[in-house]
Amino acid sequence: MENRLNELGNSINRLEFIVVRTANKGVIKEAVEKLFDVKVECVNTRITKAGKHASVKLAEGYDAEETSLKLGAF
């Protein structure tokens, strides 16, 4: 998965991923929770020319910026 922090930053507490096209919302949610040790509130997906994008909103009490630091995104 490729990680991008949403342009609005942590004000909406979301992480953006490019995922395999066959991944469904449940699989994406489980993977994010397991890999980053966080709780996910919801997952939205969309398909573009660049691939399938997943927007993952973290549950209250978890910080998207802190989670992205685990990846070395900042």
PDB file of N, CA and C in Angstrom:
ATOM      1  N   MET A   1       0.833  -1.178   0.000  1.00  0.00           N
ATOM      2  CA  MET A   1       0.000   0.000   0.000  1.00  0.00           C
ATOM      3  C   MET A   1       0.880   1.244   0.000  1.00  0.00           C
ATOM      4  N   GLU A   2       0.462   2.221  -0.723  1.00  0.00           N
ATOM      5  CA  GLU A   2       1.158   3.498  -0.751  1.00  0.00           C
ATOM      6  C   GLU A   2       0.367   4.468   0.116  1.00  0.00           C
ATOM      7  N   ASN A   3       1.070   5.183   0.962  1.00  0.00           N
ATOM      8  CA  ASN A   3       0.398   6.038   1.929  1.00  0.00           C
ATOM      9  C   ASN A   3       0.561   7.503   1.563  1.00  0.00           C
ATOM     10  N   ARG A   4      -0.518   8.249   1.630  1.00  0.00           N
ATOM     11  CA  ARG A   4      -0.490   9.701   1.498  1.00  0.00           C
ATOM     12  C   ARG A   4      -1.409  10.275   2.560  1.00  0.00           C
ATOM     13  N   LEU A   5      -0.918  11.279   3.276  1.00  0.00           N
ATOM     14  CA  LEU A   5      -1.780  11.953   4.240  1.00  0.00           C
ATOM     15  C   LEU A   5      -2.695  12.880   3.471  1.00  0.00           C
ATOM     16  N   ASN A   6      -3.958  12.887   3.802  1.00  0.00           N
ATOM     17  CA  ASN A   6      -4.928  13.718   3.119  1.00  0.00           C
ATOM     18  C   ASN A   6      -4.496  15.177   3.154  1.00  0.00           C
ATOM     19  N   GLU A   7      -4.818  15.923   2.091  1.00  0.00           N
ATOM     20  CA  GLU A   7      -4.408  17.326   1.963  1.00  0.00           C
ATOM     21  C   GLU A   7      -4.874  18.190   3.120  1.00  0.00           C
ATOM     22  N   LEU A   8      -5.962  17.853   3.727  1.00  0.00           N
ATOM     23  CA  LEU A   8      -6.474  18.654   4.830  1.00  0.00           C
ATOM     24  C   LEU A   8      -5.793  18.331   6.152  1.00  0.00           C
ATOM     25  N   GLY A   9      -4.847  17.436   6.115  1.00  0.00           N
ATOM     26  CA  GLY A   9      -4.086  17.097   7.307  1.00  0.00           C
ATOM     27  C   GLY A   9      -4.915  16.357   8.324  1.00  0.00           C
ATOM     28  N   ASN A  10      -4.539  16.495   9.569  1.00  0.00           N
ATOM     29  CA  ASN A  10      -5.206  15.715  10.604  1.00  0.00           C
ATOM     30  C   ASN A  10      -6.508  16.332  11.088  1.00  0.00           C
ATOM     31  N   SER A  11      -6.978  17.431  10.446  1.00  0.00           N
ATOM     32  CA  SER A  11      -8.245  18.025  10.874  1.00  0.00           C
ATOM     33  C   SER A  11      -9.412  17.063  10.650  1.00  0.00           C
ATOM     34  N   ILE A  12      -9.283  16.162   9.690  1.00  0.00           N
ATOM     35  CA  ILE A  12     -10.326  15.164   9.483  1.00  0.00           C
ATOM     36  C   ILE A  12      -9.825  13.765   9.822  1.00  0.00           C
ATOM     37  N   ASN A  13      -8.565  13.676  10.236  1.00  0.00           N
ATOM     38  CA  ASN A  13      -7.986  12.434  10.767  1.00  0.00           C
ATOM     39  C   ASN A  13      -8.112  11.261   9.801  1.00  0.00           C
ATOM     40  N   ARG A  14      -7.687  11.471   8.557  1.00  0.00           N
ATOM     41  CA  ARG A  14      -7.773  10.438   7.525  1.00  0.00           C
ATOM     42  C   ARG A  14      -6.407  10.130   6.938  1.00  0.00           C
ATOM     43  N   LEU A  15      -6.252   8.892   6.508  1.00  0.00           N
ATOM     44  CA  LEU A  15      -5.082   8.459   5.758  1.00  0.00           C
ATOM     45  C   LEU A  15      -5.557   8.001   4.386  1.00  0.00           C
ATOM     46  N   GLU A  16      -4.758   8.258   3.364  1.00  0.00           N
ATOM     47  CA  GLU A  16      -5.089   7.853   2.002  1.00  0.00           C
ATOM     48  C   GLU A  16      -4.127   6.760   1.560  1.00  0.00           C
ATOM     49  N   PHE A  17      -4.667   5.728   0.935  1.00  0.00           N
ATOM     50  CA  PHE A  17      -3.856   4.623   0.431  1.00  0.00           C
ATOM     51  C   PHE A  17      -4.252   4.307  -0.997  1.00  0.00           C
ATOM     52  N   ILE A  18      -3.291   3.841  -1.779  1.00  0.00           N
ATOM     53  CA  ILE A  18      -3.594   3.218  -3.058  1.00  0.00           C
ATOM     54  C   ILE A  18      -3.506   1.723  -2.804  1.00  0.00           C
ATOM     55  N   VAL A  19      -4.589   1.017  -3.083  1.00  0.00           N
ATOM     56  CA  VAL A  19      -4.683  -0.404  -2.751  1.00  0.00           C
ATOM     57  C   VAL A  19      -4.919  -1.226  -4.023  1.00  0.00           C
ATOM     58  N   VAL A  20      -4.755  -2.542  -3.904  1.00  0.00           N
ATOM     59  CA  VAL A  20      -5.060  -3.407  -5.048  1.00  0.00           C
ATOM     60  C   VAL A  20      -6.544  -3.321  -5.349  1.00  0.00           C
ATOM     61  N   ARG A  21      -6.861  -3.434  -6.608  1.00  0.00           N
ATOM     62  CA  ARG A  21      -8.241  -3.228  -7.046  1.00  0.00           C
ATOM     63  C   ARG A  21      -9.219  -4.240  -6.451  1.00  0.00           C
ATOM     64  N   THR A  22      -8.747  -5.411  -6.091  1.00  0.00           N
ATOM     65  CA  THR A  22      -9.633  -6.450  -5.556  1.00  0.00           C
ATOM     66  C   THR A  22      -9.897  -6.306  -4.058  1.00  0.00           C
ATOM     67  N   ALA A  23      -9.200  -5.387  -3.397  1.00  0.00           N
ATOM     68  CA  ALA A  23      -9.387  -5.206  -1.943  1.00  0.00           C
ATOM     69  C   ALA A  23     -10.744  -4.575  -1.669  1.00  0.00           C
ATOM     70  N   ASN A  24     -11.443  -5.124  -0.673  1.00  0.00           N
ATOM     71  CA  ASN A  24     -12.723  -4.517  -0.288  1.00  0.00           C
ATOM     72  C   ASN A  24     -12.537  -3.740   1.018  1.00  0.00           C
ATOM     73  N   LYS A  25     -13.567  -3.029   1.420  1.00  0.00           N
ATOM     74  CA  LYS A  25     -13.466  -2.154   2.593  1.00  0.00           C
ATOM     75  C   LYS A  25     -13.111  -2.921   3.868  1.00  0.00           C
ATOM     76  N   GLY A  26     -13.670  -4.103   4.027  1.00  0.00           N
ATOM     77  CA  GLY A  26     -13.382  -4.913   5.213  1.00  0.00           C
ATOM     78  C   GLY A  26     -11.925  -5.329   5.291  1.00  0.00           C
ATOM     79  N   VAL A  27     -11.382  -5.748   4.163  1.00  0.00           N
ATOM     80  CA  VAL A  27      -9.972  -6.162   4.116  1.00  0.00           C
ATOM     81  C   VAL A  27      -9.058  -4.976   4.390  1.00  0.00           C
ATOM     82  N   ILE A  28      -9.389  -3.823   3.813  1.00  0.00           N
ATOM     83  CA  ILE A  28      -8.583  -2.614   4.017  1.00  0.00           C
ATOM     84  C   ILE A  28      -8.608  -2.216   5.489  1.00  0.00           C
ATOM     85  N   LYS A  29      -9.793  -2.233   6.090  1.00  0.00           N
ATOM     86  CA  LYS A  29      -9.932  -1.874   7.506  1.00  0.00           C
ATOM     87  C   LYS A  29      -9.099  -2.796   8.391  1.00  0.00           C
ATOM     88  N   GLU A  30      -9.204  -4.099   8.178  1.00  0.00           N
ATOM     89  CA  GLU A  30      -8.440  -5.069   8.973  1.00  0.00           C
ATOM     90  C   GLU A  30      -6.937  -4.855   8.815  1.00  0.00           C
ATOM     91  N   ALA A  31      -6.496  -4.623   7.584  1.00  0.00           N
ATOM     92  CA  ALA A  31      -5.067  -4.445   7.324  1.00  0.00           C
ATOM     93  C   ALA A  31      -4.516  -3.210   8.019  1.00  0.00           C
ATOM     94  N   VAL A  32      -5.237  -2.091   7.944  1.00  0.00           N
ATOM     95  CA  VAL A  32      -4.777  -0.849   8.580  1.00  0.00           C
ATOM     96  C   VAL A  32      -4.750  -1.016  10.093  1.00  0.00           C
ATOM     97  N   GLU A  33      -5.788  -1.617  10.656  1.00  0.00           N
ATOM     98  CA  GLU A  33      -5.832  -1.812  12.112  1.00  0.00           C
ATOM     99  C   GLU A  33      -4.687  -2.707  12.585  1.00  0.00           C
ATOM    100  N   LYS A  34      -4.406  -3.745  11.838  1.00  0.00           N
ATOM    101  CA  LYS A  34      -3.351  -4.674  12.236  1.00  0.00           C
ATOM    102  C   LYS A  34      -1.954  -4.079  12.030  1.00  0.00           C
ATOM    103  N   LEU A  35      -1.721  -3.444  10.881  1.00  0.00           N
ATOM    104  CA  LEU A  35      -0.388  -2.920  10.562  1.00  0.00           C
ATOM    105  C   LEU A  35       0.013  -1.730  11.425  1.00  0.00           C
ATOM    106  N   PHE A  36      -0.953  -0.867  11.751  1.00  0.00           N
ATOM    107  CA  PHE A  36      -0.627   0.367  12.461  1.00  0.00           C
ATOM    108  C   PHE A  36      -1.122   0.407  13.899  1.00  0.00           C
ATOM    109  N   ASP A  37      -1.754  -0.658  14.366  1.00  0.00           N
ATOM    110  CA  ASP A  37      -2.248  -0.743  15.737  1.00  0.00           C
ATOM    111  C   ASP A  37      -3.159   0.446  16.072  1.00  0.00           C
ATOM    112  N   VAL A  38      -4.157   0.668  15.214  1.00  0.00           N
ATOM    113  CA  VAL A  38      -5.140   1.733  15.395  1.00  0.00           C
ATOM    114  C   VAL A  38      -6.535   1.146  15.196  1.00  0.00           C
ATOM    115  N   LYS A  39      -7.543   1.928  15.509  1.00  0.00           N
ATOM    116  CA  LYS A  39      -8.927   1.552  15.234  1.00  0.00           C
ATOM    117  C   LYS A  39      -9.428   2.424  14.084  1.00  0.00           C
ATOM    118  N   VAL A  40     -10.123   1.810  13.150  1.00  0.00           N
ATOM    119  CA  VAL A  40     -10.640   2.507  11.985  1.00  0.00           C
ATOM    120  C   VAL A  40     -12.132   2.746  12.152  1.00  0.00           C
ATOM    121  N   GLU A  41     -12.562   3.981  11.916  1.00  0.00           N
ATOM    122  CA  GLU A  41     -13.983   4.313  12.011  1.00  0.00           C
ATOM    123  C   GLU A  41     -14.714   3.939  10.721  1.00  0.00           C
ATOM    124  N   CYS A  42     -14.151   4.336   9.574  1.00  0.00           N
ATOM    125  CA  CYS A  42     -14.778   3.986   8.306  1.00  0.00           C
ATOM    126  C   CYS A  42     -13.753   4.016   7.172  1.00  0.00           C
ATOM    127  N   VAL A  43     -14.108   3.349   6.086  1.00  0.00           N
ATOM    128  CA  VAL A  43     -13.265   3.290   4.896  1.00  0.00           C
ATOM    129  C   VAL A  43     -14.124   3.676   3.693  1.00  0.00           C
ATOM    130  N   ASN A  44     -13.627   4.606   2.888  1.00  0.00           N
ATOM    131  CA  ASN A  44     -14.272   4.969   1.629  1.00  0.00           C
ATOM    132  C   ASN A  44     -13.306   4.621   0.507  1.00  0.00           C
ATOM    133  N   THR A  45     -13.832   4.120  -0.606  1.00  0.00           N
ATOM    134  CA  THR A  45     -12.980   3.782  -1.736  1.00  0.00           C
ATOM    135  C   THR A  45     -13.498   4.459  -2.995  1.00  0.00           C
ATOM    136  N   ARG A  46     -12.572   4.665  -3.922  1.00  0.00           N
ATOM    137  CA  ARG A  46     -12.926   5.177  -5.237  1.00  0.00           C
ATOM    138  C   ARG A  46     -11.904   4.647  -6.237  1.00  0.00           C
ATOM    139  N   ILE A  47     -12.333   4.470  -7.450  1.00  0.00           N
ATOM    140  CA  ILE A  47     -11.452   3.962  -8.501  1.00  0.00           C
ATOM    141  C   ILE A  47     -11.186   5.087  -9.497  1.00  0.00           C
ATOM    142  N   THR A  48      -9.899   5.329  -9.767  1.00  0.00           N
ATOM    143  CA  THR A  48      -9.482   6.335 -10.737  1.00  0.00           C
ATOM    144  C   THR A  48      -8.539   5.692 -11.742  1.00  0.00           C
ATOM    145  N   LYS A  49      -8.052   6.470 -12.680  1.00  0.00           N
ATOM    146  CA  LYS A  49      -7.086   5.963 -13.652  1.00  0.00           C
ATOM    147  C   LYS A  49      -5.807   5.497 -12.972  1.00  0.00           C
ATOM    148  N   ALA A  50      -5.473   6.122 -11.849  1.00  0.00           N
ATOM    149  CA  ALA A  50      -4.254   5.772 -11.110  1.00  0.00           C
ATOM    150  C   ALA A  50      -4.410   4.492 -10.299  1.00  0.00           C
ATOM    151  N   GLY A  51      -5.635   4.016 -10.112  1.00  0.00           N
ATOM    152  CA  GLY A  51      -5.869   2.805  -9.331  1.00  0.00           C
ATOM    153  C   GLY A  51      -6.986   3.005  -8.328  1.00  0.00           C
ATOM    154  N   LYS A  52      -7.090   2.083  -7.401  1.00  0.00           N
ATOM    155  CA  LYS A  52      -8.124   2.150  -6.364  1.00  0.00           C
ATOM    156  C   LYS A  52      -7.555   2.890  -5.160  1.00  0.00           C
ATOM    157  N   HIS A  53      -8.265   3.901  -4.718  1.00  0.00           N
ATOM    158  CA  HIS A  53      -7.864   4.707  -3.573  1.00  0.00           C
ATOM    159  C   HIS A  53      -8.764   4.380  -2.386  1.00  0.00           C
ATOM    160  N   ALA A  54      -8.151   4.288  -1.225  1.00  0.00           N
ATOM    161  CA  ALA A  54      -8.903   4.072   0.003  1.00  0.00           C
ATOM    162  C   ALA A  54      -8.640   5.244   0.940  1.00  0.00           C
ATOM    163  N   SER A  55      -9.700   5.852   1.416  1.00  0.00           N
ATOM    164  CA  SER A  55      -9.611   6.919   2.406  1.00  0.00           C
ATOM    165  C   SER A  55     -10.064   6.317   3.731  1.00  0.00           C
ATOM    166  N   VAL A  56      -9.143   6.254   4.688  1.00  0.00           N
ATOM    167  CA  VAL A  56      -9.389   5.576   5.958  1.00  0.00           C
ATOM    168  C   VAL A  56      -9.488   6.619   7.068  1.00  0.00           C
ATOM    169  N   LYS A  57     -10.658   6.686   7.706  1.00  0.00           N
ATOM    170  CA  LYS A  57     -10.849   7.606   8.827  1.00  0.00           C
ATOM    171  C   LYS A  57     -10.573   6.850  10.111  1.00  0.00           C
ATOM    172  N   LEU A  58      -9.651   7.393  10.913  1.00  0.00           N
ATOM    173  CA  LEU A  58      -9.300   6.754  12.176  1.00  0.00           C
ATOM    174  C   LEU A  58     -10.318   7.114  13.251  1.00  0.00           C
ATOM    175  N   ALA A  59     -10.515   6.202  14.174  1.00  0.00           N
ATOM    176  CA  ALA A  59     -11.450   6.416  15.285  1.00  0.00           C
ATOM    177  C   ALA A  59     -10.916   7.512  16.206  1.00  0.00           C
ATOM    178  N   GLU A  60     -11.817   8.082  16.977  1.00  0.00           N
ATOM    179  CA  GLU A  60     -11.448   9.117  17.936  1.00  0.00           C
ATOM    180  C   GLU A  60     -10.397   8.568  18.898  1.00  0.00           C
ATOM    181  N   GLY A  61      -9.390   9.374  19.161  1.00  0.00           N
ATOM    182  CA  GLY A  61      -8.321   8.950  20.055  1.00  0.00           C
ATOM    183  C   GLY A  61      -7.081   8.494  19.304  1.00  0.00           C
ATOM    184  N   TYR A  62      -7.180   8.361  17.992  1.00  0.00           N
ATOM    185  CA  TYR A  62      -6.037   7.979  17.161  1.00  0.00           C
ATOM    186  C   TYR A  62      -5.713   9.127  16.216  1.00  0.00           C
ATOM    187  N   ASP A  63      -4.438   9.362  15.988  1.00  0.00           N
ATOM    188  CA  ASP A  63      -3.992  10.508  15.214  1.00  0.00           C
ATOM    189  C   ASP A  63      -3.387  10.059  13.886  1.00  0.00           C
ATOM    190  N   ALA A  64      -3.908  10.574  12.775  1.00  0.00           N
ATOM    191  CA  ALA A  64      -3.416  10.209  11.451  1.00  0.00           C
ATOM    192  C   ALA A  64      -1.967  10.665  11.258  1.00  0.00           C
ATOM    193  N   GLU A  65      -1.635  11.820  11.758  1.00  0.00           N
ATOM    194  CA  GLU A  65      -0.259  12.314  11.599  1.00  0.00           C
ATOM    195  C   GLU A  65       0.729  11.423  12.344  1.00  0.00           C
ATOM    196  N   GLU A  66       0.382  11.043  13.549  1.00  0.00           N
ATOM    197  CA  GLU A  66       1.243  10.158  14.344  1.00  0.00           C
ATOM    198  C   GLU A  66       1.391   8.795  13.665  1.00  0.00           C
ATOM    199  N   THR A  67       0.294   8.299  13.112  1.00  0.00           N
ATOM    200  CA  THR A  67       0.315   7.014  12.421  1.00  0.00           C
ATOM    201  C   THR A  67       1.183   7.091  11.170  1.00  0.00           C
ATOM    202  N   SER A  68       1.110   8.191  10.445  1.00  0.00           N
ATOM    203  CA  SER A  68       1.926   8.326   9.243  1.00  0.00           C
ATOM    204  C   SER A  68       3.405   8.434   9.563  1.00  0.00           C
ATOM    205  N   LEU A  69       3.741   8.895  10.769  1.00  0.00           N
ATOM    206  CA  LEU A  69       5.136   8.955  11.179  1.00  0.00           C
ATOM    207  C   LEU A  69       5.741   7.556  11.288  1.00  0.00           C
ATOM    208  N   LYS A  70       4.916   6.575  11.595  1.00  0.00           N
ATOM    209  CA  LYS A  70       5.384   5.197  11.672  1.00  0.00           C
ATOM    210  C   LYS A  70       5.899   4.711  10.309  1.00  0.00           C
ATOM    211  N   LEU A  71       5.340   5.285   9.254  1.00  0.00           N
ATOM    212  CA  LEU A  71       5.754   4.923   7.901  1.00  0.00           C
ATOM    213  C   LEU A  71       6.951   5.735   7.412  1.00  0.00           C
ATOM    214  N   GLY A  72       7.270   6.792   8.127  1.00  0.00           N
ATOM    215  CA  GLY A  72       8.320   7.685   7.668  1.00  0.00           C
ATOM    216  C   GLY A  72       7.804   8.643   6.608  1.00  0.00           C
ATOM    217  N   ALA A  73       6.500   8.905   6.611  1.00  0.00           N
ATOM    218  CA  ALA A  73       5.912   9.805   5.612  1.00  0.00           C
ATOM    219  C   ALA A  73       6.273  11.264   5.880  1.00  0.00           C
ATOM    220  N   PHE A  74       6.658  11.590   7.102  1.00  0.00           N
ATOM    221  CA  PHE A  74       7.047  12.966   7.428  1.00  0.00           C
ATOM    222  C   PHE A  74       8.461  12.992   7.893  1.00  0.00           C
TER     223      PHE A  74
END
